[in-house]
Amino acid sequence: MVQQVVLDRMFSALADGTRRAVLERLGQGPATIGELAAPHDMTLTGMKKHVQVLEDAGLVVTEKVGRTRQCRLGNERLDDAMAWISFYQRLWERRLDGLEAYFLLRPPADAPPRGTDA
């Protein structure tokens, strides 16, 4: 159950384009809330809400430095999400491989039924 809560928070955080852009930006190094908000033409309060969602998911860590709040990537790497995605990727690949084999082994629709001479 705990794993589901972690995944729910992570996927919810990643569902928003602004938050994904914040993670991309923080991949280049730490930034303040103001620096994160500027390219999105967003208020500091609006960006703080986005950062809070990312922080709750463990994807971002913030620290008060003087009058600003410094943000950096969190310790939560997307390992849990990647494991979940990989499981379902393998599952669907096996299913699609089976479907492909079925169609490759199946006689063409216009071929006479087996055991009869046409």
N, C-alpha and C. Protein backbone atom coordinates (compact mmCIF):
# COMPACT_ATOMS: atom_id res chain seq x y z
N MET A 1 0.82 -1.20 0.00
CA MET A 1 0.00 0.00 0.00
C MET A 1 0.86 1.26 0.00
N VAL A 2 1.95 1.24 0.78
CA VAL A 2 2.84 2.39 0.83
C VAL A 2 3.42 2.66 -0.55
N GLN A 3 3.79 1.59 -1.27
CA GLN A 3 4.33 1.74 -2.61
C GLN A 3 3.34 2.46 -3.53
N GLN A 4 2.06 2.14 -3.41
CA GLN A 4 1.04 2.79 -4.24
C GLN A 4 0.95 4.28 -3.94
N VAL A 5 1.05 4.65 -2.68
CA VAL A 5 1.00 6.07 -2.29
C VAL A 5 2.19 6.82 -2.88
N VAL A 6 3.36 6.20 -2.82
CA VAL A 6 4.56 6.82 -3.38
C VAL A 6 4.39 7.03 -4.88
N LEU A 7 3.91 5.99 -5.58
CA LEU A 7 3.71 6.10 -7.02
C LEU A 7 2.63 7.12 -7.36
N ASP A 8 1.55 7.14 -6.59
CA ASP A 8 0.48 8.11 -6.84
C ASP A 8 1.01 9.54 -6.74
N ARG A 9 1.78 9.82 -5.71
CA ARG A 9 2.34 11.17 -5.54
C ARG A 9 3.30 11.52 -6.67
N MET A 10 4.13 10.55 -7.03
CA MET A 10 5.13 10.80 -8.06
C MET A 10 4.47 11.04 -9.42
N PHE A 11 3.54 10.16 -9.81
CA PHE A 11 2.89 10.33 -11.11
C PHE A 11 2.02 11.58 -11.13
N SER A 12 1.40 11.91 -10.01
CA SER A 12 0.61 13.13 -9.94
C SER A 12 1.51 14.35 -10.12
N ALA A 13 2.66 14.32 -9.49
CA ALA A 13 3.60 15.44 -9.62
C ALA A 13 4.11 15.56 -11.06
N LEU A 14 4.35 14.43 -11.70
CA LEU A 14 4.88 14.43 -13.06
C LEU A 14 3.83 14.70 -14.13
N ALA A 15 2.56 14.69 -13.73
CA ALA A 15 1.47 14.87 -14.69
C ALA A 15 1.38 16.29 -15.23
N ASP A 16 2.02 17.22 -14.57
CA ASP A 16 1.92 18.62 -14.97
C ASP A 16 3.18 19.06 -15.72
N GLY A 17 2.99 19.69 -16.86
CA GLY A 17 4.11 20.14 -17.68
C GLY A 17 5.02 21.14 -17.00
N THR A 18 4.45 22.03 -16.21
CA THR A 18 5.26 23.02 -15.49
C THR A 18 6.19 22.31 -14.51
N ARG A 19 5.66 21.33 -13.81
CA ARG A 19 6.49 20.61 -12.83
C ARG A 19 7.59 19.80 -13.53
N ARG A 20 7.27 19.22 -14.68
CA ARG A 20 8.31 18.51 -15.43
C ARG A 20 9.39 19.48 -15.88
N ALA A 21 8.99 20.68 -16.29
CA ALA A 21 9.96 21.70 -16.69
C ALA A 21 10.83 22.12 -15.50
N VAL A 22 10.24 22.21 -14.33
CA VAL A 22 11.00 22.55 -13.12
C VAL A 22 12.07 21.49 -12.87
N LEU A 23 11.70 20.21 -13.00
CA LEU A 23 12.67 19.14 -12.80
C LEU A 23 13.79 19.21 -13.83
N GLU A 24 13.44 19.51 -15.07
CA GLU A 24 14.46 19.66 -16.11
C GLU A 24 15.42 20.78 -15.75
N ARG A 25 14.86 21.92 -15.31
CA ARG A 25 15.70 23.06 -14.94
C ARG A 25 16.61 22.72 -13.76
N LEU A 26 16.05 22.03 -12.75
CA LEU A 26 16.85 21.68 -11.58
C LEU A 26 17.90 20.63 -11.90
N GLY A 27 17.73 19.92 -13.00
CA GLY A 27 18.76 19.00 -13.45
C GLY A 27 20.04 19.72 -13.83
N GLN A 28 19.94 21.01 -14.11
CA GLN A 28 21.10 21.84 -14.44
C GLN A 28 21.77 22.41 -13.19
N GLY A 29 21.07 22.35 -12.06
CA GLY A 29 21.61 22.88 -10.81
C GLY A 29 20.53 23.56 -10.00
N PRO A 30 20.83 23.91 -8.75
CA PRO A 30 19.85 24.54 -7.87
C PRO A 30 19.34 25.87 -8.43
N ALA A 31 18.14 26.24 -7.99
CA ALA A 31 17.54 27.50 -8.43
C ALA A 31 16.58 27.98 -7.34
N THR A 32 16.34 29.28 -7.33
CA THR A 32 15.37 29.85 -6.39
C THR A 32 13.97 29.71 -6.99
N ILE A 33 12.97 29.91 -6.15
CA ILE A 33 11.58 29.89 -6.62
C ILE A 33 11.40 30.95 -7.72
N GLY A 34 11.98 32.12 -7.51
CA GLY A 34 11.88 33.20 -8.50
C GLY A 34 12.49 32.81 -9.84
N GLU A 35 13.65 32.15 -9.80
CA GLU A 35 14.29 31.71 -11.04
C GLU A 35 13.46 30.65 -11.75
N LEU A 36 12.80 29.81 -10.98
CA LEU A 36 11.95 28.78 -11.58
C LEU A 36 10.67 29.39 -12.16
N ALA A 37 10.16 30.43 -11.51
CA ALA A 37 8.90 31.04 -11.95
C ALA A 37 9.06 31.90 -13.20
N ALA A 38 10.21 32.54 -13.36
CA ALA A 38 10.41 33.52 -14.44
C ALA A 38 10.08 33.00 -15.84
N PRO A 39 10.59 31.85 -16.26
CA PRO A 39 10.29 31.42 -17.64
C PRO A 39 8.83 31.04 -17.87
N HIS A 40 8.08 30.87 -16.80
CA HIS A 40 6.68 30.45 -16.92
C HIS A 40 5.72 31.62 -16.73
N ASP A 41 6.27 32.82 -16.56
CA ASP A 41 5.43 34.00 -16.33
C ASP A 41 4.41 33.71 -15.23
N MET A 42 4.93 33.22 -14.10
CA MET A 42 4.10 32.76 -13.00
C MET A 42 4.48 33.52 -11.73
N THR A 43 3.52 33.69 -10.85
CA THR A 43 3.80 34.33 -9.56
C THR A 43 4.65 33.41 -8.70
N LEU A 44 5.31 34.00 -7.73
CA LEU A 44 6.10 33.20 -6.79
C LEU A 44 5.20 32.22 -6.03
N THR A 45 4.00 32.69 -5.67
CA THR A 45 3.05 31.83 -4.95
C THR A 45 2.64 30.65 -5.81
N GLY A 46 2.38 30.90 -7.09
CA GLY A 46 2.01 29.81 -8.00
C GLY A 46 3.12 28.79 -8.14
N MET A 47 4.36 29.27 -8.30
CA MET A 47 5.49 28.35 -8.44
C MET A 47 5.74 27.61 -7.14
N LYS A 48 5.56 28.29 -6.01
CA LYS A 48 5.77 27.63 -4.71
C LYS A 48 4.82 26.44 -4.58
N LYS A 49 3.59 26.57 -5.07
CA LYS A 49 2.64 25.45 -5.02
C LYS A 49 3.12 24.28 -5.87
N HIS A 50 3.65 24.56 -7.04
CA HIS A 50 4.20 23.50 -7.89
C HIS A 50 5.38 22.82 -7.20
N VAL A 51 6.26 23.63 -6.64
CA VAL A 51 7.44 23.09 -5.96
C VAL A 51 7.01 22.24 -4.76
N GLN A 52 5.97 22.67 -4.06
CA GLN A 52 5.49 21.91 -2.90
C GLN A 52 5.01 20.52 -3.31
N VAL A 53 4.33 20.42 -4.44
CA VAL A 53 3.88 19.11 -4.95
C VAL A 53 5.09 18.23 -5.24
N LEU A 54 6.10 18.81 -5.88
CA LEU A 54 7.31 18.06 -6.18
C LEU A 54 8.05 17.66 -4.91
N GLU A 55 8.02 18.54 -3.94
CA GLU A 55 8.67 18.25 -2.66
C GLU A 55 7.94 17.12 -1.94
N ASP A 56 6.62 17.15 -1.94
CA ASP A 56 5.82 16.10 -1.30
C ASP A 56 6.08 14.73 -1.94
N ALA A 57 6.41 14.74 -3.23
CA ALA A 57 6.70 13.50 -3.95
C ALA A 57 8.16 13.06 -3.76
N GLY A 58 8.95 13.89 -3.09
CA GLY A 58 10.35 13.55 -2.86
C GLY A 58 11.25 13.86 -4.04
N LEU A 59 10.73 14.58 -5.02
CA LEU A 59 11.51 14.87 -6.22
C LEU A 59 12.33 16.15 -6.10
N VAL A 60 11.95 17.02 -5.18
CA VAL A 60 12.63 18.30 -4.97
C VAL A 60 12.82 18.52 -3.47
N VAL A 61 13.93 19.16 -3.14
CA VAL A 61 14.21 19.56 -1.76
C VAL A 61 14.39 21.07 -1.77
N THR A 62 13.79 21.75 -0.79
CA THR A 62 13.97 23.20 -0.70
C THR A 62 14.64 23.54 0.62
N GLU A 63 15.32 24.68 0.61
CA GLU A 63 16.01 25.16 1.80
C GLU A 63 15.95 26.68 1.80
N LYS A 64 15.58 27.23 2.93
CA LYS A 64 15.52 28.69 3.07
C LYS A 64 16.94 29.22 3.19
N VAL A 65 17.29 30.13 2.28
CA VAL A 65 18.61 30.75 2.28
C VAL A 65 18.39 32.25 2.26
N GLY A 66 18.53 32.86 3.43
CA GLY A 66 18.25 34.30 3.55
C GLY A 66 16.77 34.55 3.29
N ARG A 67 16.49 35.39 2.31
CA ARG A 67 15.09 35.71 2.00
C ARG A 67 14.54 34.87 0.85
N THR A 68 15.34 33.97 0.34
CA THR A 68 14.90 33.15 -0.79
C THR A 68 14.80 31.69 -0.40
N ARG A 69 14.12 30.94 -1.22
CA ARG A 69 14.01 29.49 -1.02
C ARG A 69 14.74 28.83 -2.17
N GLN A 70 15.81 28.14 -1.84
CA GLN A 70 16.64 27.45 -2.82
C GLN A 70 16.08 26.05 -3.06
N CYS A 71 15.96 25.65 -4.32
CA CYS A 71 15.42 24.34 -4.69
C CYS A 71 16.50 23.53 -5.39
N ARG A 72 16.49 22.23 -5.15
CA ARG A 72 17.38 21.31 -5.85
C ARG A 72 16.67 19.98 -6.00
N LEU A 73 17.18 19.15 -6.87
CA LEU A 73 16.58 17.83 -7.05
C LEU A 73 16.67 17.05 -5.75
N GLY A 74 15.64 16.30 -5.45
CA GLY A 74 15.61 15.50 -4.23
C GLY A 74 16.33 14.18 -4.41
N ASN A 75 16.41 13.44 -3.33
CA ASN A 75 17.09 12.15 -3.35
C ASN A 75 16.26 11.07 -4.04
N GLU A 76 14.94 11.28 -4.11
CA GLU A 76 14.06 10.29 -4.74
C GLU A 76 14.31 10.32 -6.24
N ARG A 77 15.00 9.34 -6.74
CA ARG A 77 15.29 9.26 -8.18
C ARG A 77 14.07 8.61 -8.80
N LEU A 78 13.73 8.49 -9.80
CA LEU A 78 12.49 7.93 -10.30
C LEU A 78 12.52 6.40 -10.35
N ASP A 79 13.31 5.78 -9.45
CA ASP A 79 13.47 4.33 -9.47
C ASP A 79 12.15 3.59 -9.29
N ASP A 80 11.33 4.03 -8.34
CA ASP A 80 10.05 3.35 -8.11
C ASP A 80 9.16 3.43 -9.34
N ALA A 81 9.09 4.60 -9.94
CA ALA A 81 8.27 4.76 -11.13
C ALA A 81 8.84 3.96 -12.29
N MET A 82 10.15 3.95 -12.44
CA MET A 82 10.77 3.20 -13.53
C MET A 82 10.55 1.70 -13.35
N ALA A 83 10.60 1.20 -12.13
CA ALA A 83 10.36 -0.22 -11.89
C ALA A 83 8.92 -0.58 -12.26
N TRP A 84 7.99 0.28 -11.90
CA TRP A 84 6.58 0.04 -12.23
C TRP A 84 6.37 0.05 -13.74
N ILE A 85 6.94 1.04 -14.41
CA ILE A 85 6.81 1.16 -15.86
C ILE A 85 7.47 -0.03 -16.55
N SER A 86 8.64 -0.44 -16.09
CA SER A 86 9.36 -1.56 -16.71
C SER A 86 8.57 -2.86 -16.60
N PHE A 87 7.94 -3.08 -15.45
CA PHE A 87 7.12 -4.28 -15.27
C PHE A 87 6.03 -4.35 -16.33
N TYR A 88 5.30 -3.25 -16.49
CA TYR A 88 4.21 -3.24 -17.46
C TYR A 88 4.71 -3.21 -18.90
N GLN A 89 5.87 -2.64 -19.12
CA GLN A 89 6.45 -2.66 -20.46
C GLN A 89 6.77 -4.10 -20.86
N ARG A 90 7.38 -4.86 -19.95
CA ARG A 90 7.69 -6.27 -20.25
C ARG A 90 6.41 -7.07 -20.45
N LEU A 91 5.40 -6.81 -19.63
CA LEU A 91 4.13 -7.52 -19.75
C LEU A 91 3.51 -7.29 -21.13
N TRP A 92 3.45 -6.03 -21.57
CA TRP A 92 2.84 -5.72 -22.86
C TRP A 92 3.69 -6.22 -24.02
N GLU A 93 5.01 -6.18 -23.86
CA GLU A 93 5.86 -6.71 -24.93
C GLU A 93 5.62 -8.20 -25.13
N ARG A 94 5.48 -8.96 -24.02
CA ARG A 94 5.18 -10.40 -24.14
C ARG A 94 3.84 -10.61 -24.81
N ARG A 95 2.85 -9.84 -24.44
CA ARG A 95 1.52 -9.98 -25.06
C ARG A 95 1.56 -9.64 -26.54
N LEU A 96 2.25 -8.59 -26.89
CA LEU A 96 2.33 -8.21 -28.30
C LEU A 96 3.15 -9.21 -29.11
N ASP A 97 4.20 -9.77 -28.48
CA ASP A 97 4.98 -10.81 -29.16
C ASP A 97 4.10 -12.02 -29.44
N GLY A 98 3.25 -12.39 -28.47
CA GLY A 98 2.32 -13.51 -28.66
C GLY A 98 1.32 -13.23 -29.77
N LEU A 99 0.83 -12.02 -29.82
CA LEU A 99 -0.12 -11.64 -30.87
C LEU A 99 0.56 -11.68 -32.24
N GLU A 100 1.80 -11.21 -32.31
CA GLU A 100 2.54 -11.25 -33.56
C GLU A 100 2.74 -12.70 -34.01
N ALA A 101 3.11 -13.58 -33.09
CA ALA A 101 3.30 -14.99 -33.43
C ALA A 101 2.00 -15.60 -33.94
N TYR A 102 0.89 -15.26 -33.33
CA TYR A 102 -0.41 -15.77 -33.76
C TYR A 102 -0.67 -15.39 -35.22
N PHE A 103 -0.45 -14.14 -35.56
CA PHE A 103 -0.72 -13.69 -36.92
C PHE A 103 0.28 -14.25 -37.93
N LEU A 104 1.51 -14.48 -37.51
CA LEU A 104 2.51 -15.04 -38.42
C LEU A 104 2.22 -16.51 -38.71
N LEU A 105 1.69 -17.24 -37.74
CA LEU A 105 1.42 -18.67 -37.90
C LEU A 105 0.05 -18.94 -38.50
N ARG A 106 -0.80 -17.99 -38.48
CA ARG A 106 -2.17 -18.14 -38.98
C ARG A 106 -2.16 -18.13 -40.50
N PRO A 107 -2.92 -19.04 -41.12
CA PRO A 107 -2.97 -19.03 -42.58
C PRO A 107 -3.69 -17.77 -43.08
N PRO A 108 -3.36 -17.34 -44.28
CA PRO A 108 -4.04 -16.16 -44.83
C PRO A 108 -5.54 -16.39 -44.93
N ALA A 109 -6.31 -15.33 -44.89
CA ALA A 109 -7.77 -15.41 -44.91
C ALA A 109 -8.29 -16.02 -46.20
N ASP A 110 -7.58 -15.85 -47.31
CA ASP A 110 -8.07 -16.38 -48.58
C ASP A 110 -7.54 -17.78 -48.88
N ALA A 111 -6.78 -18.38 -47.97
CA ALA A 111 -6.25 -19.73 -48.17
C ALA A 111 -7.35 -20.76 -47.89
N PRO A 112 -7.36 -21.88 -48.62
CA PRO A 112 -8.37 -22.92 -48.34
C PRO A 112 -8.12 -23.53 -46.97
N PRO A 113 -9.16 -24.02 -46.32
CA PRO A 113 -8.98 -24.65 -45.00
C PRO A 113 -8.03 -25.84 -45.11
N ARG A 114 -7.35 -26.11 -44.04
CA ARG A 114 -6.40 -27.22 -44.00
C ARG A 114 -7.14 -28.55 -44.20
N GLY A 115 -6.49 -29.46 -44.91
CA GLY A 115 -7.07 -30.78 -45.11
C GLY A 115 -8.01 -30.86 -46.29
N THR A 116 -8.19 -29.78 -47.01
CA THR A 116 -9.06 -29.81 -48.20
C THR A 116 -8.24 -29.42 -49.40
N ASP A 117 -8.61 -29.95 -50.54
CA ASP A 117 -7.94 -29.55 -51.77
C ASP A 117 -8.81 -28.54 -52.48
N ALA A 118 -8.21 -27.50 -52.88
CA ALA A 118 -9.00 -26.47 -53.56
C ALA A 118 -8.82 -26.52 -55.03
